[in-house]
Amino acid sequence: MISLQINGEDVEVDVDPGTPLLWVLRDNLNLTGTKYGCGISQCGACTVLMNGHATRSCTTPVSQAAKFEILTIEGLSEDSSHPIQKAWIEEDVPQCGYCQSGQIMAAVALLNEKTYPTNEEINKAMTNICRCGTYQRIRRAIHRAAQKRGGG
């Protein structure tokens, strides 16, 4: 059994220690907001936060994840009330939507590190791929969320 802390709750899973965290989240815990994209840590659809840092769950063994507090899109808020989720909605970011949970989690990690990131900092931090090309809206949403969180 492997003990994990996911979205503030302690859970135990009976899986091989080398199983990628992504599959434990989706298949064992039914947290399907985290998506499979490429399986090689390139696209970012599988991004979750581990101790506040963006992590690609498709290549993170569950045994390694046991050392961290894990936050998935489901744990961000129950009603889309997190500032980044509100900004995403207000800026009409999603097009197809497939990558958006990973994009949102990466944006949260960025805002955990930088209160008011510049466009350059956003471009450097947001390495997730959006096949629909909504990068301009993603950038605007991050700026909007920074303003909301900062009270400005």
C-alpha atoms as a PDB file:
ATOM      1  CA  MET A   1       0.000   0.000   0.000  1.00  0.00           C
ATOM      2  CA  ILE A   2       1.169   3.497  -0.827  1.00  0.00           C
ATOM      3  CA  SER A   3      -0.076   6.431   1.224  1.00  0.00           C
ATOM      4  CA  LEU A   4      -0.738   9.706  -0.560  1.00  0.00           C
ATOM      5  CA  GLN A   5      -2.102  13.100   0.369  1.00  0.00           C
ATOM      6  CA  ILE A   6      -4.307  14.265  -2.483  1.00  0.00           C
ATOM      7  CA  ASN A   7      -6.433  17.403  -2.386  1.00  0.00           C
ATOM      8  CA  GLY A   8      -6.000  17.570   1.380  1.00  0.00           C
ATOM      9  CA  GLU A   9      -7.109  13.999   2.041  1.00  0.00           C
ATOM     10  CA  ASP A  10      -5.055  10.980   2.984  1.00  0.00           C
ATOM     11  CA  VAL A  11      -5.604   8.000   0.701  1.00  0.00           C
ATOM     12  CA  GLU A  12      -4.002   4.602   0.283  1.00  0.00           C
ATOM     13  CA  VAL A  13      -3.617   2.770  -2.998  1.00  0.00           C
ATOM     14  CA  ASP A  14      -2.509  -0.769  -3.674  1.00  0.00           C
ATOM     15  CA  VAL A  15      -0.471  -0.337  -6.851  1.00  0.00           C
ATOM     16  CA  ASP A  16       3.001  -1.070  -8.132  1.00  0.00           C
ATOM     17  CA  PRO A  17       5.333   1.691  -6.795  1.00  0.00           C
ATOM     18  CA  GLY A  18       6.475   2.458 -10.352  1.00  0.00           C
ATOM     19  CA  THR A  19       2.961   3.205 -11.615  1.00  0.00           C
ATOM     20  CA  PRO A  20       2.774   6.763 -12.934  1.00  0.00           C
ATOM     21  CA  LEU A  21       0.855   9.088 -10.637  1.00  0.00           C
ATOM     22  CA  LEU A  22      -1.432  10.016 -13.558  1.00  0.00           C
ATOM     23  CA  TRP A  23      -2.849   6.501 -13.786  1.00  0.00           C
ATOM     24  CA  VAL A  24      -3.302   6.236 -10.024  1.00  0.00           C
ATOM     25  CA  LEU A  25      -5.251   9.508 -10.056  1.00  0.00           C
ATOM     26  CA  ARG A  26      -7.417   8.549 -13.014  1.00  0.00           C
ATOM     27  CA  ASP A  27      -7.838   4.784 -12.664  1.00  0.00           C
ATOM     28  CA  ASN A  28      -7.610   4.167  -8.935  1.00  0.00           C
ATOM     29  CA  LEU A  29      -8.989   7.404  -7.482  1.00  0.00           C
ATOM     30  CA  ASN A  30     -11.350   8.467 -10.305  1.00  0.00           C
ATOM     31  CA  LEU A  31      -9.836  11.964 -10.447  1.00  0.00           C
ATOM     32  CA  THR A  32     -10.192  12.290 -14.196  1.00  0.00           C
ATOM     33  CA  GLY A  33      -9.605  16.036 -14.515  1.00  0.00           C
ATOM     34  CA  THR A  34      -5.903  15.333 -14.967  1.00  0.00           C
ATOM     35  CA  LYS A  35      -5.494  14.286 -18.595  1.00  0.00           C
ATOM     36  CA  TYR A  36      -3.194  11.966 -20.514  1.00  0.00           C
ATOM     37  CA  GLY A  37      -1.565  13.719 -23.418  1.00  0.00           C
ATOM     38  CA  CYS A  38       1.815  12.403 -24.466  1.00  0.00           C
ATOM     39  CA  GLY A  39       3.143  10.145 -21.704  1.00  0.00           C
ATOM     40  CA  ILE A  40       6.649  11.685 -21.916  1.00  0.00           C
ATOM     41  CA  SER A  41       6.289  14.909 -19.870  1.00  0.00           C
ATOM     42  CA  GLN A  42       6.197  17.157 -22.923  1.00  0.00           C
ATOM     43  CA  CYS A  43       2.629  18.411 -23.360  1.00  0.00           C
ATOM     44  CA  GLY A  44       1.577  19.208 -19.771  1.00  0.00           C
ATOM     45  CA  ALA A  45      -1.997  17.890 -19.930  1.00  0.00           C
ATOM     46  CA  CYS A  46      -1.149  15.786 -16.863  1.00  0.00           C
ATOM     47  CA  THR A  47       0.126  18.671 -14.722  1.00  0.00           C
ATOM     48  CA  VAL A  48      -0.652  18.548 -11.008  1.00  0.00           C
ATOM     49  CA  LEU A  49       0.909  20.418  -8.111  1.00  0.00           C
ATOM     50  CA  MET A  50       3.253  18.661  -5.731  1.00  0.00           C
ATOM     51  CA  ASN A  51       3.998  20.886  -2.743  1.00  0.00           C
ATOM     52  CA  GLY A  52       2.862  23.794  -4.909  1.00  0.00           C
ATOM     53  CA  HIS A  53       5.136  23.077  -7.863  1.00  0.00           C
ATOM     54  CA  ALA A  54       3.898  22.070 -11.313  1.00  0.00           C
ATOM     55  CA  THR A  55       4.694  18.404 -11.919  1.00  0.00           C
ATOM     56  CA  ARG A  56       4.032  16.192 -14.920  1.00  0.00           C
ATOM     57  CA  SER A  57       2.192  13.231 -13.421  1.00  0.00           C
ATOM     58  CA  CYS A  58       2.548  10.968 -16.474  1.00  0.00           C
ATOM     59  CA  THR A  59       6.192  10.239 -15.650  1.00  0.00           C
ATOM     60  CA  THR A  60       6.170  10.671 -11.855  1.00  0.00           C
ATOM     61  CA  PRO A  61       6.174   7.288 -10.109  1.00  0.00           C
ATOM     62  CA  VAL A  62       3.509   7.104  -7.422  1.00  0.00           C
ATOM     63  CA  SER A  63       6.179   6.047  -4.914  1.00  0.00           C
ATOM     64  CA  GLN A  64       7.942   9.388  -5.442  1.00  0.00           C
ATOM     65  CA  ALA A  65       4.651  11.306  -5.142  1.00  0.00           C
ATOM     66  CA  ALA A  66       4.041   9.809  -1.703  1.00  0.00           C
ATOM     67  CA  LYS A  67       6.460  12.354  -0.249  1.00  0.00           C
ATOM     68  CA  PHE A  68       4.408  15.370  -1.340  1.00  0.00           C
ATOM     69  CA  GLU A  69       1.078  17.138  -0.927  1.00  0.00           C
ATOM     70  CA  ILE A  70      -0.630  16.622  -4.280  1.00  0.00           C
ATOM     71  CA  LEU A  71      -3.211  19.019  -5.670  1.00  0.00           C
ATOM     72  CA  THR A  72      -5.284  18.175  -8.749  1.00  0.00           C
ATOM     73  CA  ILE A  73      -7.749  20.336 -10.636  1.00  0.00           C
ATOM     74  CA  GLU A  74     -10.544  18.746  -8.592  1.00  0.00           C
ATOM     75  CA  GLY A  75      -8.941  20.026  -5.392  1.00  0.00           C
ATOM     76  CA  LEU A  76      -8.460  23.595  -6.602  1.00  0.00           C
ATOM     77  CA  SER A  77     -12.090  24.454  -5.873  1.00  0.00           C
ATOM     78  CA  GLU A  78     -15.425  22.674  -5.977  1.00  0.00           C
ATOM     79  CA  ASP A  79     -17.229  25.494  -7.758  1.00  0.00           C
ATOM     80  CA  SER A  80     -14.604  27.113 -10.027  1.00  0.00           C
ATOM     81  CA  SER A  81     -14.168  29.934  -7.517  1.00  0.00           C
ATOM     82  CA  HIS A  82     -10.375  29.903  -7.449  1.00  0.00           C
ATOM     83  CA  PRO A  83      -9.049  33.206  -8.903  1.00  0.00           C
ATOM     84  CA  ILE A  84      -7.313  31.465 -11.796  1.00  0.00           C
ATOM     85  CA  GLN A  85     -10.469  29.517 -12.675  1.00  0.00           C
ATOM     86  CA  LYS A  86     -12.518  32.723 -12.571  1.00  0.00           C
ATOM     87  CA  ALA A  87      -9.985  34.486 -14.783  1.00  0.00           C
ATOM     88  CA  TRP A  88      -9.999  31.524 -17.203  1.00  0.00           C
ATOM     89  CA  ILE A  89     -13.777  31.842 -17.521  1.00  0.00           C
ATOM     90  CA  GLU A  90     -13.742  35.647 -17.816  1.00  0.00           C
ATOM     91  CA  GLU A  91     -11.082  35.530 -20.551  1.00  0.00           C
ATOM     92  CA  ASP A  92     -12.882  32.670 -22.337  1.00  0.00           C
ATOM     93  CA  VAL A  93      -9.620  30.720 -22.470  1.00  0.00           C
ATOM     94  CA  PRO A  94     -10.693  27.180 -23.377  1.00  0.00           C
ATOM     95  CA  GLN A  95     -11.387  26.246 -26.939  1.00  0.00           C
ATOM     96  CA  CYS A  96     -11.422  22.444 -27.063  1.00  0.00           C
ATOM     97  CA  GLY A  97     -10.561  22.407 -23.337  1.00  0.00           C
ATOM     98  CA  TYR A  98      -8.500  19.220 -23.261  1.00  0.00           C
ATOM     99  CA  CYS A  99      -5.297  20.824 -21.985  1.00  0.00           C
ATOM    100  CA  GLN A 100      -6.938  23.333 -19.707  1.00  0.00           C
ATOM    101  CA  SER A 101      -6.725  21.518 -16.362  1.00  0.00           C
ATOM    102  CA  GLY A 102      -2.975  21.169 -16.874  1.00  0.00           C
ATOM    103  CA  GLN A 103      -2.701  24.782 -18.036  1.00  0.00           C
ATOM    104  CA  ILE A 104      -4.611  25.994 -14.969  1.00  0.00           C
ATOM    105  CA  MET A 105      -2.446  23.979 -12.586  1.00  0.00           C
ATOM    106  CA  ALA A 106       0.727  25.305 -14.233  1.00  0.00           C
ATOM    107  CA  ALA A 107      -0.643  28.845 -13.926  1.00  0.00           C
ATOM    108  CA  VAL A 108      -1.391  28.317 -10.231  1.00  0.00           C
ATOM    109  CA  ALA A 109       2.192  27.132  -9.693  1.00  0.00           C
ATOM    110  CA  LEU A 110       3.492  30.212 -11.518  1.00  0.00           C
ATOM    111  CA  LEU A 111       1.379  32.540  -9.381  1.00  0.00           C
ATOM    112  CA  ASN A 112       2.585  30.723  -6.259  1.00  0.00           C
ATOM    113  CA  GLU A 113       6.104  31.837  -7.236  1.00  0.00           C
ATOM    114  CA  LYS A 114       5.461  35.223  -8.868  1.00  0.00           C
ATOM    115  CA  THR A 115       2.735  37.553  -7.605  1.00  0.00           C
ATOM    116  CA  TYR A 116       2.652  39.627 -10.791  1.00  0.00           C
ATOM    117  CA  PRO A 117       4.504  37.748 -13.548  1.00  0.00           C
ATOM    118  CA  THR A 118       5.603  39.553 -16.682  1.00  0.00           C
ATOM    119  CA  ASN A 119       4.725  38.281 -20.151  1.00  0.00           C
ATOM    120  CA  GLU A 120       8.266  36.936 -20.424  1.00  0.00           C
ATOM    121  CA  GLU A 121       7.945  35.069 -17.111  1.00  0.00           C
ATOM    122  CA  ILE A 122       4.591  33.659 -18.197  1.00  0.00           C
ATOM    123  CA  ASN A 123       6.017  32.519 -21.528  1.00  0.00           C
ATOM    124  CA  LYS A 124       8.956  30.850 -19.770  1.00  0.00           C
ATOM    125  CA  ALA A 125       6.835  29.112 -17.109  1.00  0.00           C
ATOM    126  CA  MET A 126       3.893  28.017 -19.235  1.00  0.00           C
ATOM    127  CA  THR A 127       5.425  25.170 -21.199  1.00  0.00           C
ATOM    128  CA  ASN A 128       2.172  23.237 -21.586  1.00  0.00           C
ATOM    129  CA  ILE A 129       1.023  22.731 -25.151  1.00  0.00           C
ATOM    130  CA  CYS A 130      -2.349  23.993 -26.363  1.00  0.00           C
ATOM    131  CA  ARG A 131      -3.181  22.590 -29.784  1.00  0.00           C
ATOM    132  CA  CYS A 132      -5.880  25.232 -30.200  1.00  0.00           C
ATOM    133  CA  GLY A 133      -3.349  28.028 -29.671  1.00  0.00           C
ATOM    134  CA  THR A 134      -5.104  29.934 -26.881  1.00  0.00           C
ATOM    135  CA  TYR A 135      -1.801  31.252 -25.529  1.00  0.00           C
ATOM    136  CA  GLN A 136      -2.807  34.934 -25.729  1.00  0.00           C
ATOM    137  CA  ARG A 137      -5.949  34.254 -23.679  1.00  0.00           C
ATOM    138  CA  ILE A 138      -3.958  32.132 -21.223  1.00  0.00           C
ATOM    139  CA  ARG A 139      -1.547  35.031 -20.709  1.00  0.00           C
ATOM    140  CA  ARG A 140      -4.404  37.503 -20.200  1.00  0.00           C
ATOM    141  CA  ALA A 141      -6.073  35.156 -17.718  1.00  0.00           C
ATOM    142  CA  ILE A 142      -2.873  34.829 -15.704  1.00  0.00           C
ATOM    143  CA  HIS A 143      -2.534  38.612 -15.528  1.00  0.00           C
ATOM    144  CA  ARG A 144      -6.205  38.910 -14.516  1.00  0.00           C
ATOM    145  CA  ALA A 145      -5.806  36.247 -11.810  1.00  0.00           C
ATOM    146  CA  ALA A 146      -2.703  37.993 -10.485  1.00  0.00           C
ATOM    147  CA  GLN A 147      -4.703  41.207 -10.165  1.00  0.00           C
ATOM    148  CA  LYS A 148      -7.574  39.376  -8.424  1.00  0.00           C
ATOM    149  CA  ARG A 149      -5.231  37.650  -5.981  1.00  0.00           C
ATOM    150  CA  GLY A 150      -3.303  40.845  -5.345  1.00  0.00           C
ATOM    151  CA  GLY A 151      -6.478  42.803  -4.702  1.00  0.00           C
ATOM    152  CA  GLY A 152      -5.778  45.183  -7.560  1.00  0.00           C
END
